[in-house]
Amino acid sequence: LLQVREQQKYIALQIRQKVKQRREEQLHQIEEALRAQWQKTQNQKMKALEELYLSNLRAIGEGHRQAKENEPDLEALAKKAE
């Protein structure tokens, strides 16, 4: 009878250890999946911000070009004034 109890305790311990190990493996898999999803989202956000930044730089450059084209020709104005 004592031997049967010891066997039951040992079997119960093994079951608890297997359940604990399986749970830890599942948590690790979930963690990896969430980490990958988060990284993908961060990469998408970074790409969108880079595109917005480049678009704004192009707009600034175009604004400078237009401003330069609309600058008065100071030399021509000086000659007219003479």
N, C-alpha and C. Protein backbone atom coordinates (compact mmCIF):
# COMPACT_ATOMS: atom_id res chain seq x y z
N LEU A 1 0.84 -1.21 0.00
CA LEU A 1 0.00 0.00 0.00
C LEU A 1 0.87 1.26 0.00
N LEU A 2 1.93 1.22 0.79
CA LEU A 2 2.85 2.35 0.85
C LEU A 2 3.54 2.56 -0.50
N GLN A 3 3.88 1.46 -1.15
CA GLN A 3 4.54 1.55 -2.45
C GLN A 3 3.59 2.17 -3.49
N VAL A 4 2.33 1.83 -3.44
CA VAL A 4 1.33 2.38 -4.36
C VAL A 4 1.21 3.88 -4.16
N ARG A 5 1.18 4.32 -2.91
CA ARG A 5 1.11 5.77 -2.62
C ARG A 5 2.33 6.50 -3.16
N GLU A 6 3.49 5.91 -2.99
CA GLU A 6 4.72 6.53 -3.50
C GLU A 6 4.68 6.63 -5.02
N GLN A 7 4.17 5.57 -5.65
CA GLN A 7 4.05 5.59 -7.11
C GLN A 7 3.07 6.68 -7.55
N GLN A 8 1.97 6.82 -6.85
CA GLN A 8 0.98 7.85 -7.18
C GLN A 8 1.58 9.24 -7.03
N LYS A 9 2.34 9.44 -5.96
CA LYS A 9 2.99 10.74 -5.75
C LYS A 9 3.97 11.03 -6.89
N TYR A 10 4.73 10.00 -7.27
CA TYR A 10 5.71 10.17 -8.33
C TYR A 10 5.02 10.47 -9.66
N ILE A 11 3.95 9.75 -9.95
CA ILE A 11 3.20 9.99 -11.19
C ILE A 11 2.59 11.39 -11.19
N ALA A 12 2.02 11.80 -10.06
CA ALA A 12 1.43 13.13 -9.95
C ALA A 12 2.50 14.20 -10.15
N LEU A 13 3.68 13.99 -9.58
CA LEU A 13 4.78 14.93 -9.74
C LEU A 13 5.19 15.04 -11.21
N GLN A 14 5.28 13.90 -11.88
CA GLN A 14 5.64 13.91 -13.30
C GLN A 14 4.60 14.66 -14.12
N ILE A 15 3.34 14.43 -13.81
CA ILE A 15 2.26 15.11 -14.54
C ILE A 15 2.35 16.62 -14.32
N ARG A 16 2.57 17.03 -13.07
CA ARG A 16 2.68 18.47 -12.78
C ARG A 16 3.87 19.08 -13.53
N GLN A 17 4.98 18.36 -13.56
CA GLN A 17 6.16 18.87 -14.25
C GLN A 17 5.92 19.00 -15.76
N LYS A 18 5.24 18.00 -16.33
CA LYS A 18 4.94 18.05 -17.77
C LYS A 18 3.99 19.21 -18.09
N VAL A 19 2.99 19.38 -17.24
CA VAL A 19 2.04 20.48 -17.44
C VAL A 19 2.76 21.82 -17.34
N LYS A 20 3.63 21.94 -16.34
CA LYS A 20 4.39 23.18 -16.16
C LYS A 20 5.29 23.44 -17.37
N GLN A 21 5.96 22.40 -17.84
CA GLN A 21 6.85 22.55 -18.99
C GLN A 21 6.06 22.94 -20.24
N ARG A 22 4.91 22.29 -20.46
CA ARG A 22 4.08 22.60 -21.61
C ARG A 22 3.59 24.04 -21.54
N ARG A 23 3.20 24.47 -20.36
CA ARG A 23 2.74 25.85 -20.18
C ARG A 23 3.85 26.84 -20.48
N GLU A 24 5.06 26.55 -20.00
CA GLU A 24 6.19 27.44 -20.27
C GLU A 24 6.51 27.49 -21.76
N GLU A 25 6.42 26.36 -22.44
CA GLU A 25 6.66 26.33 -23.88
C GLU A 25 5.61 27.15 -24.62
N GLN A 26 4.35 27.02 -24.21
CA GLN A 26 3.28 27.79 -24.85
C GLN A 26 3.47 29.28 -24.61
N LEU A 27 3.82 29.64 -23.38
CA LEU A 27 4.07 31.05 -23.09
C LEU A 27 5.23 31.59 -23.91
N HIS A 28 6.26 30.78 -24.08
CA HIS A 28 7.41 31.19 -24.88
C HIS A 28 7.00 31.40 -26.34
N GLN A 29 6.17 30.49 -26.86
CA GLN A 29 5.69 30.63 -28.24
C GLN A 29 4.86 31.89 -28.41
N ILE A 30 4.00 32.15 -27.45
CA ILE A 30 3.17 33.36 -27.49
C ILE A 30 4.06 34.60 -27.43
N GLU A 31 5.05 34.56 -26.56
CA GLU A 31 5.98 35.69 -26.44
C GLU A 31 6.69 35.95 -27.76
N GLU A 32 7.17 34.90 -28.40
CA GLU A 32 7.88 35.05 -29.67
C GLU A 32 6.94 35.60 -30.75
N ALA A 33 5.71 35.11 -30.79
CA ALA A 33 4.75 35.59 -31.78
C ALA A 33 4.43 37.06 -31.55
N LEU A 34 4.23 37.44 -30.30
CA LEU A 34 3.94 38.84 -30.00
C LEU A 34 5.13 39.73 -30.31
N ARG A 35 6.32 39.25 -30.01
CA ARG A 35 7.53 40.02 -30.30
C ARG A 35 7.68 40.23 -31.81
N ALA A 36 7.44 39.18 -32.59
CA ALA A 36 7.55 39.28 -34.05
C ALA A 36 6.50 40.25 -34.60
N GLN A 37 5.29 40.16 -34.07
CA GLN A 37 4.22 41.06 -34.51
C GLN A 37 4.55 42.50 -34.16
N TRP A 38 5.06 42.73 -32.95
CA TRP A 38 5.43 44.07 -32.52
C TRP A 38 6.55 44.62 -33.41
N GLN A 39 7.55 43.79 -33.71
CA GLN A 39 8.66 44.23 -34.55
C GLN A 39 8.17 44.58 -35.95
N LYS A 40 7.26 43.78 -36.48
CA LYS A 40 6.71 44.06 -37.81
C LYS A 40 5.97 45.40 -37.80
N THR A 41 5.17 45.63 -36.77
CA THR A 41 4.44 46.90 -36.65
C THR A 41 5.40 48.07 -36.54
N GLN A 42 6.45 47.91 -35.74
CA GLN A 42 7.44 48.98 -35.58
C GLN A 42 8.12 49.28 -36.91
N ASN A 43 8.46 48.24 -37.67
CA ASN A 43 9.09 48.43 -38.97
C ASN A 43 8.17 49.17 -39.93
N GLN A 44 6.87 48.83 -39.90
CA GLN A 44 5.91 49.51 -40.76
C GLN A 44 5.78 50.99 -40.38
N LYS A 45 5.75 51.26 -39.07
CA LYS A 45 5.66 52.65 -38.61
C LYS A 45 6.91 53.42 -39.03
N MET A 46 8.08 52.79 -38.89
CA MET A 46 9.33 53.44 -39.25
C MET A 46 9.36 53.76 -40.74
N LYS A 47 8.91 52.82 -41.56
CA LYS A 47 8.89 53.04 -43.01
C LYS A 47 7.95 54.19 -43.36
N ALA A 48 6.78 54.23 -42.73
CA ALA A 48 5.82 55.30 -42.99
C ALA A 48 6.40 56.65 -42.59
N LEU A 49 7.10 56.70 -41.45
CA LEU A 49 7.71 57.96 -41.02
C LEU A 49 8.84 58.37 -41.95
N GLU A 50 9.63 57.42 -42.43
CA GLU A 50 10.70 57.74 -43.37
C GLU A 50 10.13 58.31 -44.67
N GLU A 51 9.03 57.70 -45.15
CA GLU A 51 8.40 58.19 -46.37
C GLU A 51 7.85 59.60 -46.17
N LEU A 52 7.25 59.85 -45.03
CA LEU A 52 6.73 61.18 -44.72
C LEU A 52 7.86 62.19 -44.64
N TYR A 53 8.97 61.80 -44.01
CA TYR A 53 10.14 62.67 -43.89
C TYR A 53 10.68 63.03 -45.27
N LEU A 54 10.85 62.02 -46.13
CA LEU A 54 11.37 62.28 -47.48
C LEU A 54 10.41 63.15 -48.28
N SER A 55 9.13 62.92 -48.12
CA SER A 55 8.13 63.74 -48.81
C SER A 55 8.23 65.20 -48.37
N ASN A 56 8.40 65.40 -47.06
CA ASN A 56 8.54 66.77 -46.55
C ASN A 56 9.82 67.42 -47.03
N LEU A 57 10.90 66.65 -47.11
CA LEU A 57 12.16 67.19 -47.64
C LEU A 57 12.00 67.62 -49.09
N ARG A 58 11.32 66.80 -49.88
CA ARG A 58 11.08 67.17 -51.29
C ARG A 58 10.24 68.44 -51.38
N ALA A 59 9.23 68.55 -50.52
CA ALA A 59 8.38 69.74 -50.52
C ALA A 59 9.18 70.99 -50.15
N ILE A 60 10.07 70.85 -49.18
CA ILE A 60 10.92 71.98 -48.79
C ILE A 60 11.83 72.37 -49.94
N GLY A 61 12.43 71.36 -50.59
CA GLY A 61 13.31 71.63 -51.73
C GLY A 61 12.57 72.32 -52.86
N GLU A 62 11.35 71.87 -53.13
CA GLU A 62 10.54 72.50 -54.17
C GLU A 62 10.20 73.94 -53.79
N GLY A 63 9.91 74.16 -52.53
CA GLY A 63 9.62 75.52 -52.06
C GLY A 63 10.82 76.43 -52.25
N HIS A 64 12.01 75.92 -51.97
CA HIS A 64 13.22 76.72 -52.17
C HIS A 64 13.43 77.03 -53.65
N ARG A 65 13.20 76.04 -54.51
CA ARG A 65 13.36 76.26 -55.95
C ARG A 65 12.38 77.33 -56.45
N GLN A 66 11.14 77.23 -56.00
CA GLN A 66 10.14 78.21 -56.44
C GLN A 66 10.48 79.60 -55.91
N ALA A 67 10.96 79.67 -54.69
CA ALA A 67 11.33 80.97 -54.13
C ALA A 67 12.49 81.56 -54.91
N LYS A 68 13.44 80.72 -55.29
CA LYS A 68 14.59 81.21 -56.05
C LYS A 68 14.15 81.69 -57.43
N GLU A 69 13.22 80.99 -58.06
CA GLU A 69 12.72 81.40 -59.37
C GLU A 69 11.98 82.73 -59.28
N ASN A 70 11.31 82.98 -58.19
CA ASN A 70 10.53 84.21 -58.03
C ASN A 70 11.33 85.37 -57.45
N GLU A 71 12.63 85.14 -57.19
CA GLU A 71 13.47 86.22 -56.67
C GLU A 71 13.63 87.30 -57.74
N PRO A 72 13.58 88.54 -57.35
CA PRO A 72 13.80 89.59 -58.35
C PRO A 72 15.27 89.58 -58.80
N ASP A 73 15.49 89.92 -60.06
CA ASP A 73 16.85 90.01 -60.60
C ASP A 73 17.41 91.37 -60.20
N LEU A 74 18.22 91.36 -59.15
CA LEU A 74 18.73 92.62 -58.59
C LEU A 74 19.64 93.34 -59.56
N GLU A 75 20.41 92.61 -60.35
CA GLU A 75 21.31 93.27 -61.31
C GLU A 75 20.50 93.99 -62.38
N ALA A 76 19.44 93.34 -62.87
CA ALA A 76 18.61 93.97 -63.90
C ALA A 76 17.90 95.19 -63.33
N LEU A 77 17.45 95.13 -62.10
CA LEU A 77 16.80 96.28 -61.47
C LEU A 77 17.79 97.43 -61.28
N ALA A 78 19.03 97.10 -60.94
CA ALA A 78 20.04 98.14 -60.74
C ALA A 78 20.36 98.82 -62.06
N LYS A 79 20.43 98.07 -63.16
CA LYS A 79 20.71 98.67 -64.47
C LYS A 79 19.56 99.56 -64.91
N LYS A 80 18.32 99.14 -64.62
CA LYS A 80 17.15 99.96 -64.98
C LYS A 80 17.15 101.26 -64.20
N ALA A 81 17.60 101.20 -62.98
CA ALA A 81 17.59 102.39 -62.12
C ALA A 81 18.62 103.40 -62.60
N GLU A 82 19.66 102.96 -63.30
CA GLU A 82 20.71 103.90 -63.76
C GLU A 82 20.27 104.70 -64.89
